[in-house]
C-alpha atoms as a PDB file:
ATOM      1  CA  MET A   1     -16.799 -21.665  19.527  1.00  0.00           C
ATOM      2  CA  ILE A   2     -14.992 -23.416  17.263  1.00  0.00           C
ATOM      3  CA  GLY A   3     -17.502 -23.907  14.807  1.00  0.00           C
ATOM      4  CA  PHE A   4     -18.599 -19.897  15.345  1.00  0.00           C
ATOM      5  CA  LEU A   5     -14.956 -19.227  14.194  1.00  0.00           C
ATOM      6  CA  CYS A   6     -14.014 -21.374  11.386  1.00  0.00           C
ATOM      7  CA  PRO A   7     -17.007 -20.173   9.169  1.00  0.00           C
ATOM      8  CA  ARG A   8     -15.883 -16.577   9.748  1.00  0.00           C
ATOM      9  CA  LEU A   9     -12.109 -17.103   9.304  1.00  0.00           C
ATOM     10  CA  GLY A  10     -12.687 -19.247   6.228  1.00  0.00           C
ATOM     11  CA  SER A  11     -14.986 -16.384   4.665  1.00  0.00           C
ATOM     12  CA  MET A  12     -12.269 -13.983   5.275  1.00  0.00           C
ATOM     13  CA  VAL A  13      -9.793 -15.712   3.442  1.00  0.00           C
ATOM     14  CA  ILE A  14     -12.268 -16.179   0.791  1.00  0.00           C
ATOM     15  CA  VAL A  15     -12.807 -12.295   0.706  1.00  0.00           C
ATOM     16  CA  LEU A  16      -9.285 -11.753   0.427  1.00  0.00           C
ATOM     17  CA  LEU A  17      -8.367 -14.015  -2.302  1.00  0.00           C
ATOM     18  CA  VAL A  18     -11.404 -12.345  -4.280  1.00  0.00           C
ATOM     19  CA  LEU A  19      -9.740  -9.099  -3.477  1.00  0.00           C
ATOM     20  CA  ILE A  20      -6.521 -10.147  -4.828  1.00  0.00           C
ATOM     21  CA  ALA A  21      -8.281 -11.398  -8.154  1.00  0.00           C
ATOM     22  CA  ALA A  22     -10.311  -8.351  -8.391  1.00  0.00           C
ATOM     23  CA  ILE A  23      -6.945  -5.981  -7.824  1.00  0.00           C
ATOM     24  CA  PHE A  24      -5.185  -8.196 -10.787  1.00  0.00           C
ATOM     25  CA  ALA A  25      -8.144  -8.160 -13.193  1.00  0.00           C
ATOM     26  CA  LEU A  26      -8.032  -4.352 -12.808  1.00  0.00           C
ATOM     27  CA  GLN A  27      -4.308  -4.264 -13.525  1.00  0.00           C
ATOM     28  CA  GLN A  28      -4.682  -6.229 -16.413  1.00  0.00           C
ATOM     29  CA  MET A  29      -7.189  -3.722 -18.170  1.00  0.00           C
ATOM     30  CA  SER A  30      -4.950  -0.816 -17.190  1.00  0.00           C
ATOM     31  CA  PRO A  31      -4.043   1.214 -20.046  1.00  0.00           C
ATOM     32  CA  VAL A  32      -0.735   1.941 -18.791  1.00  0.00           C
ATOM     33  CA  ASN A  33       2.070  -0.540 -19.730  1.00  0.00           C
ATOM     34  CA  PRO A  34       4.034  -0.467 -16.639  1.00  0.00           C
ATOM     35  CA  VAL A  35       7.254  -2.290 -18.595  1.00  0.00           C
ATOM     36  CA  ARG A  36       7.287   0.720 -21.222  1.00  0.00           C
ATOM     37  CA  ILE A  37       7.567   3.462 -17.961  1.00  0.00           C
ATOM     38  CA  LYS A  38      10.112   1.167 -16.474  1.00  0.00           C
ATOM     39  CA  VAL A  39      12.487   1.003 -19.931  1.00  0.00           C
ATOM     40  CA  GLY A  40      11.734   4.716 -20.620  1.00  0.00           C
ATOM     41  CA  GLN A  41       9.305   6.214 -23.471  1.00  0.00           C
ATOM     42  CA  SER A  42      12.184   6.316 -25.933  1.00  0.00           C
ATOM     43  CA  ALA A  43      12.836   2.316 -25.671  1.00  0.00           C
ATOM     44  CA  THR A  44      12.498   0.189 -28.932  1.00  0.00           C
ATOM     45  CA  GLN A  45       9.501  -2.095 -29.235  1.00  0.00           C
ATOM     46  CA  LYS A  46      12.240  -4.911 -28.958  1.00  0.00           C
ATOM     47  CA  VAL A  47      13.601  -3.796 -25.658  1.00  0.00           C
ATOM     48  CA  VAL A  48      10.114  -3.446 -24.277  1.00  0.00           C
ATOM     49  CA  GLU A  49       9.082  -6.905 -25.173  1.00  0.00           C
ATOM     50  CA  ALA A  50      12.233  -8.614 -24.281  1.00  0.00           C
ATOM     51  CA  GLU A  51      11.581  -7.064 -20.343  1.00  0.00           C
ATOM     52  CA  GLU A  52       8.024  -8.001 -20.664  1.00  0.00           C
ATOM     53  CA  GLU A  53       9.086 -11.632 -21.537  1.00  0.00           C
ATOM     54  CA  ARG A  54      11.840 -11.411 -18.581  1.00  0.00           C
ATOM     55  CA  LEU A  55       9.033 -10.078 -15.700  1.00  0.00           C
ATOM     56  CA  GLY A  56       6.744 -12.709 -16.916  1.00  0.00           C
ATOM     57  CA  TYR A  57       4.098 -10.217 -18.495  1.00  0.00           C
ATOM     58  CA  ARG A  58       3.992 -12.564 -21.561  1.00  0.00           C
ATOM     59  CA  ASP A  59       2.778 -15.497 -19.602  1.00  0.00           C
ATOM     60  CA  PRO A  60      -0.596 -17.096 -19.590  1.00  0.00           C
ATOM     61  CA  VAL A  61      -3.001 -14.840 -17.491  1.00  0.00           C
ATOM     62  CA  VAL A  62      -3.687 -17.786 -15.205  1.00  0.00           C
ATOM     63  CA  GLN A  63      -0.267 -18.249 -14.305  1.00  0.00           C
ATOM     64  CA  ARG A  64       0.300 -14.683 -13.756  1.00  0.00           C
ATOM     65  CA  TYR A  65      -2.448 -14.878 -11.596  1.00  0.00           C
ATOM     66  CA  PHE A  66      -1.171 -17.125  -9.751  1.00  0.00           C
ATOM     67  CA  ASN A  67       2.355 -15.822  -9.210  1.00  0.00           C
ATOM     68  CA  TYR A  68       0.482 -12.562  -8.495  1.00  0.00           C
ATOM     69  CA  VAL A  69      -1.359 -14.129  -5.444  1.00  0.00           C
ATOM     70  CA  GLY A  70       1.832 -15.954  -4.351  1.00  0.00           C
ATOM     71  CA  ASP A  71       4.025 -12.616  -4.607  1.00  0.00           C
ATOM     72  CA  ALA A  72       1.133 -10.631  -2.713  1.00  0.00           C
ATOM     73  CA  LEU A  73       1.435 -13.562   0.001  1.00  0.00           C
ATOM     74  CA  GLU A  74       4.891 -12.856   0.269  1.00  0.00           C
ATOM     75  CA  GLY A  75       4.438  -9.391   0.354  1.00  0.00           C
ATOM     76  CA  ASN A  76       5.910  -8.731  -3.143  1.00  0.00           C
ATOM     77  CA  LEU A  77       3.433  -5.839  -4.457  1.00  0.00           C
ATOM     78  CA  GLN A  78       5.836  -5.164  -7.605  1.00  0.00           C
ATOM     79  CA  THR A  79       7.823  -1.931  -8.018  1.00  0.00           C
ATOM     80  CA  SER A  80       6.566   1.505  -7.796  1.00  0.00           C
ATOM     81  CA  LEU A  81       6.718   3.266 -11.275  1.00  0.00           C
ATOM     82  CA  HIS A  82       7.478   6.990  -9.980  1.00  0.00           C
ATOM     83  CA  THR A  83       9.676   5.945  -6.941  1.00  0.00           C
ATOM     84  CA  GLY A  84      11.645   2.858  -8.300  1.00  0.00           C
ATOM     85  CA  GLN A  85      11.364   1.337  -5.224  1.00  0.00           C
ATOM     86  CA  PRO A  86       9.234  -1.733  -4.168  1.00  0.00           C
ATOM     87  CA  VAL A  87       5.725  -1.301  -3.479  1.00  0.00           C
ATOM     88  CA  ALA A  88       6.120  -2.834   0.125  1.00  0.00           C
ATOM     89  CA  THR A  89       9.228  -0.909   0.794  1.00  0.00           C
ATOM     90  CA  ASP A  90       7.064   2.475   0.249  1.00  0.00           C
ATOM     91  CA  ILE A  91       4.204   1.261   2.206  1.00  0.00           C
ATOM     92  CA  SER A  92       6.610   0.449   4.987  1.00  0.00           C
ATOM     93  CA  ASN A  93       8.266   3.872   5.021  1.00  0.00           C
ATOM     94  CA  PHE A  94       4.613   5.595   4.770  1.00  0.00           C
ATOM     95  CA  LEU A  95       2.315   3.489   6.788  1.00  0.00           C
ATOM     96  CA  PRO A  96       3.498   4.472  10.161  1.00  0.00           C
ATOM     97  CA  ALA A  97       2.143   7.995   9.654  1.00  0.00           C
ATOM     98  CA  SER A  98      -1.127   6.602   8.662  1.00  0.00           C
ATOM     99  CA  ILE A  99      -1.495   4.228  11.435  1.00  0.00           C
ATOM    100  CA  GLU A 100      -0.798   6.897  14.041  1.00  0.00           C
ATOM    101  CA  LEU A 101      -3.385   9.411  12.197  1.00  0.00           C
ATOM    102  CA  VAL A 102      -6.117   6.133  12.314  1.00  0.00           C
ATOM    103  CA  LEU A 103      -5.338   5.856  16.129  1.00  0.00           C
ATOM    104  CA  ALA A 104      -5.555   9.312  16.687  1.00  0.00           C
ATOM    105  CA  ALA A 105      -8.771   9.398  15.139  1.00  0.00           C
ATOM    106  CA  MET A 106      -9.851   6.312  17.133  1.00  0.00           C
ATOM    107  CA  VAL A 107      -9.115   8.196  20.440  1.00  0.00           C
ATOM    108  CA  PHE A 108     -11.370  11.034  19.282  1.00  0.00           C
ATOM    109  CA  ALA A 109     -13.932   9.109  17.840  1.00  0.00           C
ATOM    110  CA  VAL A 110     -14.560   6.347  20.787  1.00  0.00           C
ATOM    111  CA  PRO A 111     -15.447   8.680  23.344  1.00  0.00           C
ATOM    112  CA  LEU A 112     -17.430  11.103  21.280  1.00  0.00           C
ATOM    113  CA  SER A 113     -19.576   8.010  19.800  1.00  0.00           C
ATOM    114  CA  ILE A 114     -20.327   6.778  23.710  1.00  0.00           C
ATOM    115  CA  LEU A 115     -20.847  10.307  24.750  1.00  0.00           C
ATOM    116  CA  LEU A 116     -23.051  11.124  21.895  1.00  0.00           C
ATOM    117  CA  GLY A 117     -25.025   7.672  22.274  1.00  0.00           C
ATOM    118  CA  ILE A 118     -25.318   7.659  26.235  1.00  0.00           C
ATOM    119  CA  SER A 119     -26.251  11.323  26.737  1.00  0.00           C
ATOM    120  CA  SER A 120     -28.933  11.113  23.796  1.00  0.00           C
ATOM    121  CA  ALA A 121     -30.471   7.896  25.524  1.00  0.00           C
ATOM    122  CA  LEU A 122     -30.643   9.811  28.972  1.00  0.00           C
ATOM    123  CA  ARG A 123     -31.557  12.762  27.724  1.00  0.00           C
ATOM    124  CA  THR A 124     -29.102  14.583  29.842  1.00  0.00           C
ATOM    125  CA  ARG A 125     -28.790  18.499  29.807  1.00  0.00           C
ATOM    126  CA  GLY A 126     -26.926  19.416  26.771  1.00  0.00           C
ATOM    127  CA  SER A 127     -27.131  16.655  24.884  1.00  0.00           C
ATOM    128  CA  GLY A 128     -29.579  18.272  22.172  1.00  0.00           C
ATOM    129  CA  ILE A 129     -27.003  20.561  21.451  1.00  0.00           C
ATOM    130  CA  LEU A 130     -24.221  18.241  21.575  1.00  0.00           C
ATOM    131  CA  ARG A 131     -26.110  16.220  19.058  1.00  0.00           C
ATOM    132  CA  SER A 132     -27.133  18.856  16.881  1.00  0.00           C
ATOM    133  CA  SER A 133     -23.495  20.514  16.772  1.00  0.00           C
ATOM    134  CA  LEU A 134     -22.233  16.823  15.971  1.00  0.00           C
ATOM    135  CA  PHE A 135     -24.644  16.378  13.106  1.00  0.00           C
ATOM    136  CA  VAL A 136     -23.950  19.771  11.768  1.00  0.00           C
ATOM    137  CA  LEU A 137     -20.268  19.009  11.512  1.00  0.00           C
ATOM    138  CA  ALA A 138     -20.670  15.443  10.341  1.00  0.00           C
ATOM    139  CA  ALA A 139     -22.688  16.756   7.317  1.00  0.00           C
ATOM    140  CA  ALA A 140     -19.238  18.189   5.589  1.00  0.00           C
ATOM    141  CA  PRO A 141     -16.903  16.019   4.108  1.00  0.00           C
ATOM    142  CA  PRO A 142     -13.607  15.385   5.862  1.00  0.00           C
ATOM    143  CA  PHE A 143     -11.422  17.516   3.338  1.00  0.00           C
ATOM    144  CA  LEU A 144     -14.128  20.707   3.899  1.00  0.00           C
ATOM    145  CA  LEU A 145     -13.541  19.899   7.696  1.00  0.00           C
ATOM    146  CA  GLY A 146      -9.929  19.821   7.087  1.00  0.00           C
ATOM    147  CA  ILE A 147      -9.939  22.948   4.913  1.00  0.00           C
ATOM    148  CA  ALA A 148     -12.296  25.034   7.617  1.00  0.00           C
ATOM    149  CA  GLY A 149      -9.783  24.093  10.399  1.00  0.00           C
ATOM    150  CA  ILE A 150      -6.769  25.148   8.714  1.00  0.00           C
ATOM    151  CA  LEU A 151      -8.484  28.428   7.910  1.00  0.00           C
ATOM    152  CA  ILE A 152      -9.860  29.040  11.216  1.00  0.00           C
ATOM    153  CA  PHE A 153      -7.252  27.492  13.712  1.00  0.00           C
ATOM    154  CA  TYR A 154      -3.821  27.909  11.495  1.00  0.00           C
ATOM    155  CA  ARG A 155      -4.556  31.092   9.538  1.00  0.00           C
ATOM    156  CA  ASN A 156      -6.662  33.210  11.817  1.00  0.00           C
ATOM    157  CA  LEU A 157      -6.336  31.954  15.318  1.00  0.00           C
ATOM    158  CA  HIS A 158      -2.503  30.557  15.130  1.00  0.00           C
ATOM    159  CA  TRP A 159      -3.551  27.953  17.506  1.00  0.00           C
ATOM    160  CA  GLN A 160      -2.775  24.815  15.137  1.00  0.00           C
ATOM    161  CA  PRO A 161      -0.044  23.969  12.787  1.00  0.00           C
ATOM    162  CA  ALA A 162      -1.532  23.618   9.075  1.00  0.00           C
ATOM    163  CA  SER A 163       0.410  20.223   7.743  1.00  0.00           C
ATOM    164  CA  GLY A 164       3.061  17.825   8.485  1.00  0.00           C
ATOM    165  CA  ARG A 165       3.551  15.323  11.293  1.00  0.00           C
ATOM    166  CA  THR A 166       6.098  17.597  13.246  1.00  0.00           C
ATOM    167  CA  SER A 167       7.923  20.824  12.888  1.00  0.00           C
ATOM    168  CA  ILE A 168      11.043  19.819  14.776  1.00  0.00           C
ATOM    169  CA  VAL A 169      13.883  18.826  12.711  1.00  0.00           C
ATOM    170  CA  GLY A 170      15.433  15.672  13.085  1.00  0.00           C
ATOM    171  CA  ALA A 171      12.569  14.402  15.195  1.00  0.00           C
ATOM    172  CA  PRO A 172      13.341  10.158  15.649  1.00  0.00           C
ATOM    173  CA  SER A 173      12.033   8.095  13.495  1.00  0.00           C
ATOM    174  CA  GLY A 174      12.175   4.692  15.492  1.00  0.00           C
ATOM    175  CA  PRO A 175      11.704   2.208  16.924  1.00  0.00           C
ATOM    176  CA  THR A 176       7.806   2.295  16.204  1.00  0.00           C
ATOM    177  CA  GLY A 177       7.766   4.730  13.403  1.00  0.00           C
ATOM    178  CA  LEU A 178       4.882   6.592  15.672  1.00  0.00           C
ATOM    179  CA  LEU A 179       6.031   9.890  16.819  1.00  0.00           C
ATOM    180  CA  VAL A 180       3.730  10.141  19.845  1.00  0.00           C
ATOM    181  CA  ILE A 181       5.593   7.112  21.133  1.00  0.00           C
ATOM    182  CA  ASP A 182       9.045   7.637  19.938  1.00  0.00           C
ATOM    183  CA  GLY A 183       9.428  10.737  21.509  1.00  0.00           C
ATOM    184  CA  LEU A 184       9.018   9.373  24.877  1.00  0.00           C
ATOM    185  CA  LEU A 185      11.158   6.087  23.936  1.00  0.00           C
ATOM    186  CA  ASN A 186      13.972   8.686  23.089  1.00  0.00           C
ATOM    187  CA  GLY A 187      13.620  11.037  25.844  1.00  0.00           C
ATOM    188  CA  GLU A 188      12.608  13.866  23.691  1.00  0.00           C
ATOM    189  CA  PRO A 189       8.521  14.550  25.279  1.00  0.00           C
ATOM    190  CA  ASN A 190       8.913  18.274  22.926  1.00  0.00           C
ATOM    191  CA  VAL A 191       8.640  15.873  20.021  1.00  0.00           C
ATOM    192  CA  THR A 192       5.621  13.903  21.627  1.00  0.00           C
ATOM    193  CA  LEU A 193       4.021  17.143  22.285  1.00  0.00           C
ATOM    194  CA  ASN A 194       4.883  18.632  19.104  1.00  0.00           C
ATOM    195  CA  SER A 195       3.334  15.619  16.905  1.00  0.00           C
ATOM    196  CA  ILE A 196       0.245  15.742  19.266  1.00  0.00           C
ATOM    197  CA  GLU A 197      -0.282  19.187  18.280  1.00  0.00           C
ATOM    198  CA  HIS A 198      -0.010  18.352  14.353  1.00  0.00           C
ATOM    199  CA  LEU A 199      -2.027  15.185  15.065  1.00  0.00           C
ATOM    200  CA  ILE A 200      -5.087  17.086  16.486  1.00  0.00           C
ATOM    201  CA  MET A 201      -7.110  18.637  13.291  1.00  0.00           C
ATOM    202  CA  PRO A 202      -6.662  15.951  10.705  1.00  0.00           C
ATOM    203  CA  ALA A 203      -7.509  13.159  13.447  1.00  0.00           C
ATOM    204  CA  PHE A 204     -10.550  15.112  14.286  1.00  0.00           C
ATOM    205  CA  ALA A 205     -11.568  15.835  10.567  1.00  0.00           C
ATOM    206  CA  LEU A 206     -11.093  11.816   9.824  1.00  0.00           C
ATOM    207  CA  ALA A 207     -13.190  10.659  13.115  1.00  0.00           C
ATOM    208  CA  LEU A 208     -16.221  12.775  13.206  1.00  0.00           C
ATOM    209  CA  VAL A 209     -18.233  11.244  10.734  1.00  0.00           C
ATOM    210  CA  PRO A 210     -17.743   7.602  12.463  1.00  0.00           C
ATOM    211  CA  ALA A 211     -18.095   8.927  15.649  1.00  0.00           C
ATOM    212  CA  VAL A 212     -21.482  10.490  14.835  1.00  0.00           C
ATOM    213  CA  ALA A 213     -22.762   7.386  12.846  1.00  0.00           C
ATOM    214  CA  VAL A 214     -21.578   4.677  15.412  1.00  0.00           C
ATOM    215  CA  GLY A 215     -23.160   7.099  18.165  1.00  0.00           C
ATOM    216  CA  ARG A 216     -26.712   7.288  16.539  1.00  0.00           C
ATOM    217  CA  VAL A 217     -26.608   3.687  16.570  1.00  0.00           C
ATOM    218  CA  LEU A 218     -25.685   3.331  20.102  1.00  0.00           C
ATOM    219  CA  ARG A 219     -28.525   5.699  20.950  1.00  0.00           C
ATOM    220  CA  GLY A 220     -31.115   3.632  19.090  1.00  0.00           C
ATOM    221  CA  SER A 221     -29.961   0.588  20.297  1.00  0.00           C
ATOM    222  CA  LEU A 222     -29.892   1.713  23.944  1.00  0.00           C
ATOM    223  CA  ILE A 223     -33.768   3.250  23.587  1.00  0.00           C
ATOM    224  CA  ALA A 224     -34.831  -0.006  22.294  1.00  0.00           C
ATOM    225  CA  ASN A 225     -33.564  -1.633  25.473  1.00  0.00           C
ATOM    226  CA  LEU A 226     -34.564   0.974  27.847  1.00  0.00           C
ATOM    227  CA  ARG A 227     -38.170  -0.326  26.614  1.00  0.00           C
ATOM    228  CA  ALA A 228     -37.428  -3.882  27.386  1.00  0.00           C
ATOM    229  CA  GLU A 229     -39.396  -5.637  30.249  1.00  0.00           C
ATOM    230  CA  HIS A 230     -36.253  -6.556  32.627  1.00  0.00           C
ATOM    231  CA  VAL A 231     -35.433  -3.155  32.216  1.00  0.00           C
ATOM    232  CA  ARG A 232     -38.382  -1.637  33.060  1.00  0.00           C
ATOM    233  CA  ALA A 233     -39.032  -3.894  36.052  1.00  0.00           C
ATOM    234  CA  ALA A 234     -35.571  -2.849  37.212  1.00  0.00           C
ATOM    235  CA  LYS A 235     -36.603   0.708  36.729  1.00  0.00           C
ATOM    236  CA  ALA A 236     -39.819   0.017  38.739  1.00  0.00           C
ATOM    237  CA  ARG A 237     -37.785  -1.154  41.634  1.00  0.00           C
ATOM    238  CA  GLY A 238     -36.135   2.534  41.996  1.00  0.00           C
ATOM    239  CA  LEU A 239     -33.043   1.862  39.778  1.00  0.00           C
ATOM    240  CA  PRO A 240     -31.498   5.075  38.367  1.00  0.00           C
ATOM    241  CA  ARG A 241     -31.633   5.705  34.609  1.00  0.00           C
ATOM    242  CA  TRP A 242     -28.024   5.706  34.339  1.00  0.00           C
ATOM    243  CA  LYS A 243     -27.461   2.635  36.379  1.00  0.00           C
ATOM    244  CA  LEU A 244     -29.971   0.766  33.773  1.00  0.00           C
ATOM    245  CA  VAL A 245     -28.220   2.110  30.818  1.00  0.00           C
ATOM    246  CA  LEU A 246     -24.816   0.700  32.507  1.00  0.00           C
ATOM    247  CA  ARG A 247     -26.164  -2.521  34.132  1.00  0.00           C
ATOM    248  CA  HIS A 248     -29.017  -3.811  31.503  1.00  0.00           C
ATOM    249  CA  CYS A 249     -28.557  -1.683  28.066  1.00  0.00           C
ATOM    250  CA  LEU A 250     -24.764  -0.971  27.356  1.00  0.00           C
ATOM    251  CA  ARG A 251     -23.853  -4.739  26.609  1.00  0.00           C
ATOM    252  CA  ASN A 252     -27.067  -5.651  24.660  1.00  0.00           C
ATOM    253  CA  SER A 253     -26.348  -2.615  22.692  1.00  0.00           C
ATOM    254  CA  ALA A 254     -22.823  -3.606  21.712  1.00  0.00           C
ATOM    255  CA  GLY A 255     -23.667  -5.677  18.739  1.00  0.00           C
ATOM    256  CA  PRO A 256     -25.197  -3.298  16.325  1.00  0.00           C
ATOM    257  CA  THR A 257     -22.781  -0.686  17.527  1.00  0.00           C
ATOM    258  CA  LEU A 258     -19.844  -2.920  16.853  1.00  0.00           C
ATOM    259  CA  ALA A 259     -21.567  -3.986  13.490  1.00  0.00           C
ATOM    260  CA  MET A 260     -21.351  -0.078  12.445  1.00  0.00           C
ATOM    261  CA  SER A 261     -18.147   0.351  14.164  1.00  0.00           C
ATOM    262  CA  GLY A 262     -16.859  -2.201  11.756  1.00  0.00           C
ATOM    263  CA  LEU A 263     -18.261  -0.522   8.677  1.00  0.00           C
ATOM    264  CA  MET A 264     -17.012   2.833   9.588  1.00  0.00           C
ATOM    265  CA  PHE A 265     -13.325   1.660   9.393  1.00  0.00           C
ATOM    266  CA  GLY A 266     -14.383   1.503   5.531  1.00  0.00           C
ATOM    267  CA  ILE A 267     -15.610   5.448   5.528  1.00  0.00           C
ATOM    268  CA  VAL A 268     -11.863   6.145   7.811  1.00  0.00           C
ATOM    269  CA  PHE A 269      -9.877   4.205   4.910  1.00  0.00           C
ATOM    270  CA  ALA A 270     -11.833   5.993   2.637  1.00  0.00           C
ATOM    271  CA  GLY A 271     -11.185   9.494   4.077  1.00  0.00           C
ATOM    272  CA  LEU A 272      -7.716   8.978   4.352  1.00  0.00           C
ATOM    273  CA  THR A 273      -6.487   9.822   1.318  1.00  0.00           C
ATOM    274  CA  LEU A 274      -8.227  13.067   1.337  1.00  0.00           C
ATOM    275  CA  VAL A 275      -7.338  13.997   4.652  1.00  0.00           C
ATOM    276  CA  GLU A 276      -3.828  13.283   4.360  1.00  0.00           C
ATOM    277  CA  THR A 277      -3.635  15.288   0.875  1.00  0.00           C
ATOM    278  CA  VAL A 278      -5.141  18.389   3.004  1.00  0.00           C
ATOM    279  CA  PHE A 279      -2.702  18.260   5.574  1.00  0.00           C
ATOM    280  CA  ALA A 280       0.265  17.048   3.900  1.00  0.00           C
ATOM    281  CA  TRP A 281       0.360  14.043   5.784  1.00  0.00           C
ATOM    282  CA  PRO A 282       3.385  11.824   4.773  1.00  0.00           C
ATOM    283  CA  GLY A 283       0.990   8.500   4.897  1.00  0.00           C
ATOM    284  CA  ILE A 284      -0.223   6.007   2.524  1.00  0.00           C
ATOM    285  CA  GLY A 285      -2.996   8.072   1.846  1.00  0.00           C
ATOM    286  CA  LEU A 286      -0.911  11.099   0.378  1.00  0.00           C
ATOM    287  CA  TYR A 287       1.477   8.412  -1.419  1.00  0.00           C
ATOM    288  CA  VAL A 288      -1.470   6.850  -3.183  1.00  0.00           C
ATOM    289  CA  ALA A 289      -2.734  10.238  -4.105  1.00  0.00           C
ATOM    290  CA  GLN A 290       0.286  11.242  -5.342  1.00  0.00           C
ATOM    291  CA  SER A 291       0.725   7.670  -7.574  1.00  0.00           C
ATOM    292  CA  ILE A 292      -2.406   8.387  -9.575  1.00  0.00           C
ATOM    293  CA  PRO A 293      -1.717  11.189 -11.830  1.00  0.00           C
ATOM    294  CA  LYS A 294       1.547   9.133 -12.552  1.00  0.00           C
ATOM    295  CA  GLY A 295      -0.591   6.030 -13.795  1.00  0.00           C
ATOM    296  CA  ASP A 296       1.660   4.266 -10.946  1.00  0.00           C
ATOM    297  CA  PHE A 297      -1.044   1.188 -10.844  1.00  0.00           C
ATOM    298  CA  PRO A 298       1.520  -1.012  -8.704  1.00  0.00           C
ATOM    299  CA  ALA A 299       1.371   1.594  -6.105  1.00  0.00           C
ATOM    300  CA  ILE A 300      -2.534   2.105  -6.297  1.00  0.00           C
ATOM    301  CA  ALA A 301      -2.899  -1.664  -6.154  1.00  0.00           C
ATOM    302  CA  GLY A 302      -0.539  -2.286  -3.287  1.00  0.00           C
ATOM    303  CA  VAL A 303      -2.281   0.390  -1.001  1.00  0.00           C
ATOM    304  CA  THR A 304      -5.881  -0.828  -2.604  1.00  0.00           C
ATOM    305  CA  LEU A 305      -4.691  -4.258  -1.281  1.00  0.00           C
ATOM    306  CA  LEU A 306      -3.290  -3.440   2.107  1.00  0.00           C
ATOM    307  CA  LEU A 307      -6.663  -1.495   2.916  1.00  0.00           C
ATOM    308  CA  GLY A 308      -8.894  -3.666   1.640  1.00  0.00           C
ATOM    309  CA  ALA A 309      -7.156  -6.730   3.545  1.00  0.00           C
ATOM    310  CA  ALA A 310      -7.265  -4.332   6.738  1.00  0.00           C
ATOM    311  CA  TYR A 311     -10.874  -3.800   6.359  1.00  0.00           C
ATOM    312  CA  VAL A 312     -11.818  -7.640   5.986  1.00  0.00           C
ATOM    313  CA  ILE A 313      -9.542  -8.593   9.018  1.00  0.00           C
ATOM    314  CA  ILE A 314     -11.004  -5.531  11.164  1.00  0.00           C
ATOM    315  CA  ASN A 315     -14.593  -6.627  10.313  1.00  0.00           C
ATOM    316  CA  THR A 316     -13.958 -10.093  11.021  1.00  0.00           C
ATOM    317  CA  GLY A 317     -12.687  -9.431  14.587  1.00  0.00           C
ATOM    318  CA  VAL A 318     -15.419  -7.340  14.807  1.00  0.00           C
ATOM    319  CA  ASP A 319     -18.020 -10.246  13.895  1.00  0.00           C
ATOM    320  CA  ILE A 320     -16.069 -12.511  16.351  1.00  0.00           C
ATOM    321  CA  LEU A 321     -16.546  -9.560  19.099  1.00  0.00           C
ATOM    322  CA  GLN A 322     -20.024  -9.582  18.807  1.00  0.00           C
ATOM    323  CA  GLY A 323     -20.244 -13.451  19.194  1.00  0.00           C
ATOM    324  CA  LEU A 324     -18.705 -12.806  22.227  1.00  0.00           C
ATOM    325  CA  ALA A 325     -20.985  -9.798  23.537  1.00  0.00           C
ATOM    326  CA  ASP A 326     -23.915 -11.459  22.597  1.00  0.00           C
ATOM    327  CA  PRO A 327     -23.908 -15.241  23.138  1.00  0.00           C
ATOM    328  CA  ARG A 328     -27.198 -15.373  20.894  1.00  0.00           C
ATOM    329  CA  VAL A 329     -25.231 -14.392  17.777  1.00  0.00           C
ATOM    330  CA  ARG A 330     -23.318 -17.783  18.179  1.00  0.00           C
ATOM    331  CA  GLU A 331     -26.295 -19.754  18.445  1.00  0.00           C
END
């Protein structure tokens, strides 16, 4: 098992270092001078040069790279140009909202993908309608689903709130930063219920494409396993089809499904900015969307590094889970 884990953990570290190097290189190519923005457009060239010297922008590029890597490993992601605060501080303020949204999206995506995969493989009644409906909805990009949801369920039906995390003034902000949990911990179930109402539309818009993609892979893998010799033998003994899936096919189908699930996190992270912007959700997606027009590269780089690192770590974890689910992967 150690021989299986070590190469994957080593690869993860290498990929993270390459990611930091790529972000550093993009920052060097950026036409925006962060020092000029910091000291003000009216500052003289001498003042700009003195500040560049103080901040280390005039050091050799290799030295700046190693300084950047060291700072990133310590959690120092430079200072935002439009908030004036450390990017790490901004991220810590915006991140809980994004974590809550992603977790809510998983609550939608996991059951939907399993339902789609198993019902389609078993060809249960109504599975064709379910599959066709999900495929049609998944064909639309997340931001379009969000806009359609606002028009239908907020403007016309008045069933759901249109934006934000909660409509309750003075909602608790701790200890976890997740309003659904904090409402319960602070004895305010109305906050929990209200935050769930605000989560439904953005979470569904974020979850639909990954759910359909994973469900299709699960369906294909289950159908392939149902044709295996040992499954056909069990079927000949009179074992019901649903028991064949649960006992003999589901675990063998976990490998491809987990692999697709890891890849789909990239789709979720990519859609985070659009969905949070549409629903005015105060997460890191909205934070980076507000940073782009201002040319705030430290903020953009910090969020990119965070999401990139999360994607690499999640896929490493998925790779390890594949080995646990299917011993053949460890060979």
